[in-house]
Each structure stands twice: as structure tokens, then as C-alpha cells.
C-alpha atoms as a PDB file:
ATOM      1  CA  UNK A   1     -10.066   2.188   8.815  1.00  0.00           C
ATOM      2  CA  UNK A   2     -12.693   4.813   9.639  1.00  0.00           C
ATOM      3  CA  UNK A   3     -13.651   7.006  12.597  1.00  0.00           C
ATOM      4  CA  UNK A   4     -15.861   5.532  15.315  1.00  0.00           C
ATOM      5  CA  UNK A   5     -19.506   6.883  15.168  1.00  0.00           C
ATOM      6  CA  UNK A   6     -19.859   9.243  18.187  1.00  0.00           C
ATOM      7  CA  UNK A   7     -23.374   8.043  18.629  1.00  0.00           C
ATOM      8  CA  UNK A   8     -22.100   4.677  19.725  1.00  0.00           C
ATOM      9  CA  UNK A   9     -23.671   3.512  22.964  1.00  0.00           C
ATOM     10  CA  UNK A  10     -21.428   0.467  23.614  1.00  0.00           C
ATOM     11  CA  UNK A  11     -18.505   1.168  25.944  1.00  0.00           C
ATOM     12  CA  UNK A  12     -15.009   0.335  24.873  1.00  0.00           C
ATOM     13  CA  UNK A  13     -14.697   2.016  21.451  1.00  0.00           C
ATOM     14  CA  UNK A  14     -11.695   4.340  21.856  1.00  0.00           C
ATOM     15  CA  UNK A  15     -10.361   7.055  19.706  1.00  0.00           C
ATOM     16  CA  UNK A  16      -6.507   7.407  20.168  1.00  0.00           C
ATOM     17  CA  UNK A  17      -4.651  10.712  19.928  1.00  0.00           C
ATOM     18  CA  UNK A  18      -0.814  11.057  20.121  1.00  0.00           C
ATOM     19  CA  UNK A  19       0.154  14.671  20.888  1.00  0.00           C
ATOM     20  CA  UNK A  20       3.733  15.851  20.841  1.00  0.00           C
ATOM     21  CA  UNK A  21       5.034  18.533  23.218  1.00  0.00           C
ATOM     22  CA  UNK A  22       8.151  19.717  21.395  1.00  0.00           C
ATOM     23  CA  UNK A  23       7.787  23.469  21.891  1.00  0.00           C
ATOM     24  CA  UNK A  24       8.841  25.605  18.844  1.00  0.00           C
ATOM     25  CA  UNK A  25      11.121  22.832  17.303  1.00  0.00           C
ATOM     26  CA  UNK A  26      10.374  19.181  16.665  1.00  0.00           C
ATOM     27  CA  UNK A  27      14.182  18.402  16.653  1.00  0.00           C
ATOM     28  CA  UNK A  28      15.514  16.001  19.232  1.00  0.00           C
ATOM     29  CA  UNK A  29      13.689  13.923  21.950  1.00  0.00           C
ATOM     30  CA  UNK A  30      10.611  15.486  23.567  1.00  0.00           C
ATOM     31  CA  UNK A  31       7.537  14.193  25.433  1.00  0.00           C
ATOM     32  CA  UNK A  32       4.325  12.876  23.868  1.00  0.00           C
ATOM     33  CA  UNK A  33       0.961  12.324  25.450  1.00  0.00           C
ATOM     34  CA  UNK A  34      -0.994   9.245  24.414  1.00  0.00           C
ATOM     35  CA  UNK A  35      -4.697  10.000  25.021  1.00  0.00           C
ATOM     36  CA  UNK A  36      -7.468   7.443  24.622  1.00  0.00           C
ATOM     37  CA  UNK A  37     -11.171   8.581  24.757  1.00  0.00           C
ATOM     38  CA  UNK A  38     -14.103   6.202  24.999  1.00  0.00           C
ATOM     39  CA  UNK A  39     -16.839   7.320  22.597  1.00  0.00           C
ATOM     40  CA  UNK A  40     -19.810   6.119  24.584  1.00  0.00           C
ATOM     41  CA  UNK A  41     -18.754   6.972  28.113  1.00  0.00           C
ATOM     42  CA  UNK A  42     -16.243   9.711  27.806  1.00  0.00           C
ATOM     43  CA  UNK A  43     -13.815   7.666  29.814  1.00  0.00           C
ATOM     44  CA  UNK A  44     -10.330   9.057  29.218  1.00  0.00           C
ATOM     45  CA  UNK A  45      -6.876   7.648  29.892  1.00  0.00           C
ATOM     46  CA  UNK A  46      -3.570   9.552  29.314  1.00  0.00           C
ATOM     47  CA  UNK A  47       0.007   8.345  29.445  1.00  0.00           C
ATOM     48  CA  UNK A  48       3.184  10.464  29.131  1.00  0.00           C
ATOM     49  CA  UNK A  49       5.794   8.990  26.779  1.00  0.00           C
ATOM     50  CA  UNK A  50       9.337   9.954  26.115  1.00  0.00           C
ATOM     51  CA  UNK A  51       9.656   9.495  22.486  1.00  0.00           C
ATOM     52  CA  UNK A  52       7.097   7.393  20.462  1.00  0.00           C
ATOM     53  CA  UNK A  53       8.924   4.247  19.515  1.00  0.00           C
ATOM     54  CA  UNK A  54       7.405   0.745  19.602  1.00  0.00           C
ATOM     55  CA  UNK A  55       8.484  -0.108  23.130  1.00  0.00           C
ATOM     56  CA  UNK A  56       7.193   3.140  24.590  1.00  0.00           C
ATOM     57  CA  UNK A  57       3.841   2.725  22.780  1.00  0.00           C
ATOM     58  CA  UNK A  58       3.480  -0.994  23.913  1.00  0.00           C
ATOM     59  CA  UNK A  59       4.161   0.028  27.449  1.00  0.00           C
ATOM     60  CA  UNK A  60       1.657   2.881  27.278  1.00  0.00           C
ATOM     61  CA  UNK A  61      -1.046   0.573  25.857  1.00  0.00           C
ATOM     62  CA  UNK A  62      -0.404  -2.108  28.461  1.00  0.00           C
ATOM     63  CA  UNK A  63      -0.751   0.576  31.248  1.00  0.00           C
ATOM     64  CA  UNK A  64      -4.026   1.793  29.716  1.00  0.00           C
ATOM     65  CA  UNK A  65      -5.392  -1.837  29.530  1.00  0.00           C
ATOM     66  CA  UNK A  66      -4.853  -2.198  33.322  1.00  0.00           C
ATOM     67  CA  UNK A  67      -6.899   0.922  34.090  1.00  0.00           C
ATOM     68  CA  UNK A  68      -9.853   0.776  31.795  1.00  0.00           C
ATOM     69  CA  UNK A  69     -12.755  -0.944  33.532  1.00  0.00           C
ATOM     70  CA  UNK A  70     -14.189  -2.454  30.336  1.00  0.00           C
ATOM     71  CA  UNK A  71     -13.149  -4.477  27.251  1.00  0.00           C
ATOM     72  CA  UNK A  72     -11.864  -2.618  24.141  1.00  0.00           C
ATOM     73  CA  UNK A  73     -13.759  -3.996  21.153  1.00  0.00           C
ATOM     74  CA  UNK A  74     -12.275  -1.219  18.941  1.00  0.00           C
ATOM     75  CA  UNK A  75      -9.465   1.276  18.951  1.00  0.00           C
ATOM     76  CA  UNK A  76      -9.181   3.921  16.172  1.00  0.00           C
ATOM     77  CA  UNK A  77      -6.172   6.283  15.751  1.00  0.00           C
ATOM     78  CA  UNK A  78      -7.223   9.843  15.081  1.00  0.00           C
ATOM     79  CA  UNK A  79      -5.515  11.517  12.162  1.00  0.00           C
ATOM     80  CA  UNK A  80      -6.200  15.082  13.507  1.00  0.00           C
END
């Protein structure tokens, strides 16, 4: 799986970032931000998550799918 070419002109190709907001320690539970950015249009969706387990991630993606005004032909997770 590679990165999406940022010269892509077709909407719906999203890069996904999961950011943790733990402060100085990653111990215990803390909030995450799931951010999806469309490469062609710059459209961005963000969802706050408590933890990053499967159920939280599924709910976040379902939320995003109801708010994005076009199909998602590809989703790539950033490793940055």
C-alpha cells in the first residue's frame, strides 16, 4: 500500500491520519482525532474518538461516510 499521488484530480481519494492527544504520557485512556483529507479537493473530515479500538474506529468511519459528498474509491493510512 503506497501513498496517494497528491496530483490526483479525482475526488474521493483520502489520506487518513490518527492523532493521539495524550499530553506528556501515553499511559491510560486519552482522546484521538481521526482526520481524513481528500487529496483532490482538500475536503477534510475530523472525528474525536475516546480510544482507538475497533468499535470506535468503525463508528468514526461510518460518521465520515455520512458527511462526505462523494464516493471514496481509495483510503490510505498515513504512517507519519
